[in-house]
Amino acid sequence: QVQLVESGGGSVQPGGSLRLSCVASGFTFSRYTMNWYRQAPGKERELVAAVTSDGGSTAYADSVKGRFTISRDNAKNAVYLQMNSLKPEDTAVYYCNVKKWINDYWGQGAQVTVSS
C-alpha cells in the first residue's frame, strides 16, 4: 500500500531554514506529481508546493514563493521541501501528498515551528 513518511521538522527562529523530506513506497513514484501541504492550528489545510513527475515543473503558493523550494529524487523515491527565510506564520504541520486517481494519500505530518 501507499506509504509516505516525512522527516526533518523542528523548531527554528524567524529567518532560519529547515529541509523536509518525504520517502514514498507502494507505488511507482516517478509517475506522479508530488505535493506538500500544510495545516496551521485552526486553519484549513493548504497546498504549499508541487513538483511534476519528472521534476521539470514546480508550483508554489504565493505565501512561500521565493522562500521555499520543492525538489525530488526519483532514484530515492523522495521529495523534499527546502524552507528558507522562515516566518512565524509558516508554523504548521507539513504533509507530503500524492493523488492517485480518486484517492489522496498523506504522510503522518511533520511539525514546523517558527518562533523567537
C-alpha atoms as a PDB file:
ATOM      1  CA  GLN A   1       0.000   0.000   0.000  1.00  0.00           C
ATOM      2  CA  VAL A   2       0.987   3.631  -0.405  1.00  0.00           C
ATOM      3  CA  GLN A   3       3.198   4.956   2.370  1.00  0.00           C
ATOM      4  CA  LEU A   4       4.581   8.454   2.757  1.00  0.00           C
ATOM      5  CA  VAL A   5       6.998   9.142   5.606  1.00  0.00           C
ATOM      6  CA  GLU A   6       8.048  12.704   6.370  1.00  0.00           C
ATOM      7  CA  SER A   7      11.076  13.802   8.362  1.00  0.00           C
ATOM      8  CA  GLY A   8      13.017  16.960   9.066  1.00  0.00           C
ATOM      9  CA  GLY A   9      10.569  19.081  11.015  1.00  0.00           C
ATOM     10  CA  GLY A  10      11.536  21.016  14.092  1.00  0.00           C
ATOM     11  CA  SER A  11      11.775  24.408  15.744  1.00  0.00           C
ATOM     12  CA  VAL A  12      13.642  27.329  14.261  1.00  0.00           C
ATOM     13  CA  GLN A  13      13.916  31.066  14.791  1.00  0.00           C
ATOM     14  CA  PRO A  14      12.475  33.519  12.271  1.00  0.00           C
ATOM     15  CA  GLY A  15      14.776  33.816   9.289  1.00  0.00           C
ATOM     16  CA  GLY A  16      16.045  30.282   9.732  1.00  0.00           C
ATOM     17  CA  SER A  17      15.886  27.284   7.423  1.00  0.00           C
ATOM     18  CA  LEU A  18      14.620  23.723   7.509  1.00  0.00           C
ATOM     19  CA  ARG A  19      14.520  20.917   4.984  1.00  0.00           C
ATOM     20  CA  LEU A  20      11.675  18.441   4.955  1.00  0.00           C
ATOM     21  CA  SER A  21      11.987  15.025   3.347  1.00  0.00           C
ATOM     22  CA  CYS A  22       9.315  12.538   2.318  1.00  0.00           C
ATOM     23  CA  VAL A  23      10.129   8.974   1.309  1.00  0.00           C
ATOM     24  CA  ALA A  24       7.434   7.155  -0.645  1.00  0.00           C
ATOM     25  CA  SER A  25       6.681   3.484  -1.196  1.00  0.00           C
ATOM     26  CA  GLY A  26       3.907   1.285  -2.526  1.00  0.00           C
ATOM     27  CA  PHE A  27       3.505   2.970  -5.898  1.00  0.00           C
ATOM     28  CA  THR A  28       5.540   3.955  -8.951  1.00  0.00           C
ATOM     29  CA  PHE A  29       6.874   7.188  -7.551  1.00  0.00           C
ATOM     30  CA  SER A  30       8.347   8.508 -10.791  1.00  0.00           C
ATOM     31  CA  ARG A  31       4.927   8.614 -12.466  1.00  0.00           C
ATOM     32  CA  TYR A  32       3.230  11.030 -10.096  1.00  0.00           C
ATOM     33  CA  THR A  33       3.195  14.683  -9.223  1.00  0.00           C
ATOM     34  CA  MET A  34       4.078  15.114  -5.558  1.00  0.00           C
ATOM     35  CA  ASN A  35       2.764  17.806  -3.262  1.00  0.00           C
ATOM     36  CA  TRP A  36       3.500  19.435   0.065  1.00  0.00           C
ATOM     37  CA  TYR A  37       0.583  20.771   2.097  1.00  0.00           C
ATOM     38  CA  ARG A  38       0.484  22.432   5.496  1.00  0.00           C
ATOM     39  CA  GLN A  39      -2.108  22.970   8.174  1.00  0.00           C
ATOM     40  CA  ALA A  40      -1.805  25.601  10.861  1.00  0.00           C
ATOM     41  CA  PRO A  41      -3.858  25.426  14.068  1.00  0.00           C
ATOM     42  CA  GLY A  42      -7.439  26.461  13.409  1.00  0.00           C
ATOM     43  CA  LYS A  43      -6.897  26.762   9.667  1.00  0.00           C
ATOM     44  CA  GLU A  44      -7.664  24.628   6.642  1.00  0.00           C
ATOM     45  CA  ARG A  45      -5.006  22.512   5.017  1.00  0.00           C
ATOM     46  CA  GLU A  46      -3.395  24.420   2.144  1.00  0.00           C
ATOM     47  CA  LEU A  47      -1.244  23.426  -0.813  1.00  0.00           C
ATOM     48  CA  VAL A  48       2.262  24.818  -0.426  1.00  0.00           C
ATOM     49  CA  ALA A  49       4.196  23.378  -3.362  1.00  0.00           C
ATOM     50  CA  ALA A  50       4.012  20.785  -6.118  1.00  0.00           C
ATOM     51  CA  VAL A  51       6.512  19.122  -8.433  1.00  0.00           C
ATOM     52  CA  THR A  52       5.730  17.164 -11.599  1.00  0.00           C
ATOM     53  CA  SER A  53       6.697  13.520 -12.030  1.00  0.00           C
ATOM     54  CA  ASP A  54       9.983  14.276 -13.782  1.00  0.00           C
ATOM     55  CA  GLY A  55      10.813  17.261 -11.607  1.00  0.00           C
ATOM     56  CA  GLY A  56      10.654  19.546 -14.612  1.00  0.00           C
ATOM     57  CA  SER A  57       7.952  21.854 -13.319  1.00  0.00           C
ATOM     58  CA  THR A  58       7.177  23.250  -9.895  1.00  0.00           C
ATOM     59  CA  ALA A  59       4.470  25.457  -8.434  1.00  0.00           C
ATOM     60  CA  TYR A  60       4.200  27.374  -5.177  1.00  0.00           C
ATOM     61  CA  ALA A  61       1.635  29.138  -3.062  1.00  0.00           C
ATOM     62  CA  ASP A  62       2.108  32.906  -3.212  1.00  0.00           C
ATOM     63  CA  SER A  63       2.852  32.942   0.519  1.00  0.00           C
ATOM     64  CA  VAL A  64       6.021  30.847   0.093  1.00  0.00           C
ATOM     65  CA  LYS A  65       7.188  31.787  -3.394  1.00  0.00           C
ATOM     66  CA  GLY A  66      10.839  32.784  -3.411  1.00  0.00           C
ATOM     67  CA  ARG A  67      11.472  31.235   0.016  1.00  0.00           C
ATOM     68  CA  PHE A  68      10.592  27.549  -0.409  1.00  0.00           C
ATOM     69  CA  THR A  69      11.930  25.094  -2.990  1.00  0.00           C
ATOM     70  CA  ILE A  70      10.416  21.717  -3.800  1.00  0.00           C
ATOM     71  CA  SER A  71      12.526  19.039  -5.438  1.00  0.00           C
ATOM     72  CA  ARG A  72      12.548  15.278  -5.908  1.00  0.00           C
ATOM     73  CA  ASP A  73      14.898  12.376  -6.429  1.00  0.00           C
ATOM     74  CA  ASN A  74      13.135   9.608  -8.326  1.00  0.00           C
ATOM     75  CA  ALA A  75      16.025   7.210  -7.728  1.00  0.00           C
ATOM     76  CA  LYS A  76      15.389   7.506  -3.992  1.00  0.00           C
ATOM     77  CA  ASN A  77      11.574   7.791  -4.146  1.00  0.00           C
ATOM     78  CA  ALA A  78      11.927  11.032  -2.237  1.00  0.00           C
ATOM     79  CA  VAL A  79      10.548  14.541  -2.376  1.00  0.00           C
ATOM     80  CA  TYR A  80      11.977  17.485  -0.464  1.00  0.00           C
ATOM     81  CA  LEU A  81      10.910  20.919   0.698  1.00  0.00           C
ATOM     82  CA  GLN A  82      13.711  23.383   1.395  1.00  0.00           C
ATOM     83  CA  MET A  83      12.324  26.211   3.511  1.00  0.00           C
ATOM     84  CA  ASN A  84      14.355  29.399   3.875  1.00  0.00           C
ATOM     85  CA  SER A  85      13.635  32.762   5.475  1.00  0.00           C
ATOM     86  CA  LEU A  86      11.053  31.133   7.692  1.00  0.00           C
ATOM     87  CA  LYS A  87       8.393  33.290   9.304  1.00  0.00           C
ATOM     88  CA  PRO A  88       6.189  32.673  12.350  1.00  0.00           C
ATOM     89  CA  GLU A  89       3.221  32.307  10.000  1.00  0.00           C
ATOM     90  CA  ASP A  90       4.928  29.270   8.441  1.00  0.00           C
ATOM     91  CA  THR A  91       4.284  27.394  11.689  1.00  0.00           C
ATOM     92  CA  ALA A  92       2.179  24.355  10.796  1.00  0.00           C
ATOM     93  CA  VAL A  93       2.151  20.622  10.331  1.00  0.00           C
ATOM     94  CA  TYR A  94       3.523  19.854   6.883  1.00  0.00           C
ATOM     95  CA  TYR A  95       2.218  16.881   4.911  1.00  0.00           C
ATOM     96  CA  CYS A  96       3.526  15.039   1.907  1.00  0.00           C
ATOM     97  CA  ASN A  97       0.768  14.109  -0.550  1.00  0.00           C
ATOM     98  CA  VAL A  98       0.161  12.130  -3.701  1.00  0.00           C
ATOM     99  CA  LYS A  99      -3.068  11.939  -5.680  1.00  0.00           C
ATOM    100  CA  LYS A 100      -3.673   8.636  -7.427  1.00  0.00           C
ATOM    101  CA  TRP A 101      -6.880   8.691  -9.467  1.00  0.00           C
ATOM    102  CA  ILE A 102      -9.661   9.487  -6.992  1.00  0.00           C
ATOM    103  CA  ASN A 103      -7.585   8.842  -3.887  1.00  0.00           C
ATOM    104  CA  ASP A 104      -5.474  11.175  -1.789  1.00  0.00           C
ATOM    105  CA  TYR A 105      -2.631   9.738   0.259  1.00  0.00           C
ATOM    106  CA  TRP A 106      -0.966  11.554   3.140  1.00  0.00           C
ATOM    107  CA  GLY A 107       2.049  11.165   5.335  1.00  0.00           C
ATOM    108  CA  GLN A 108       1.860  11.418   9.101  1.00  0.00           C
ATOM    109  CA  GLY A 109       2.954  15.046   9.061  1.00  0.00           C
ATOM    110  CA  ALA A 110       5.998  16.960  10.268  1.00  0.00           C
ATOM    111  CA  GLN A 111       5.669  19.796  12.769  1.00  0.00           C
ATOM    112  CA  VAL A 112       7.434  23.030  11.853  1.00  0.00           C
ATOM    113  CA  THR A 113       7.511  25.751  14.495  1.00  0.00           C
ATOM    114  CA  VAL A 114       8.965  29.183  13.791  1.00  0.00           C
ATOM    115  CA  SER A 115       9.345  31.249  16.924  1.00  0.00           C
ATOM    116  CA  SER A 116      11.788  33.531  18.657  1.00  0.00           C
END
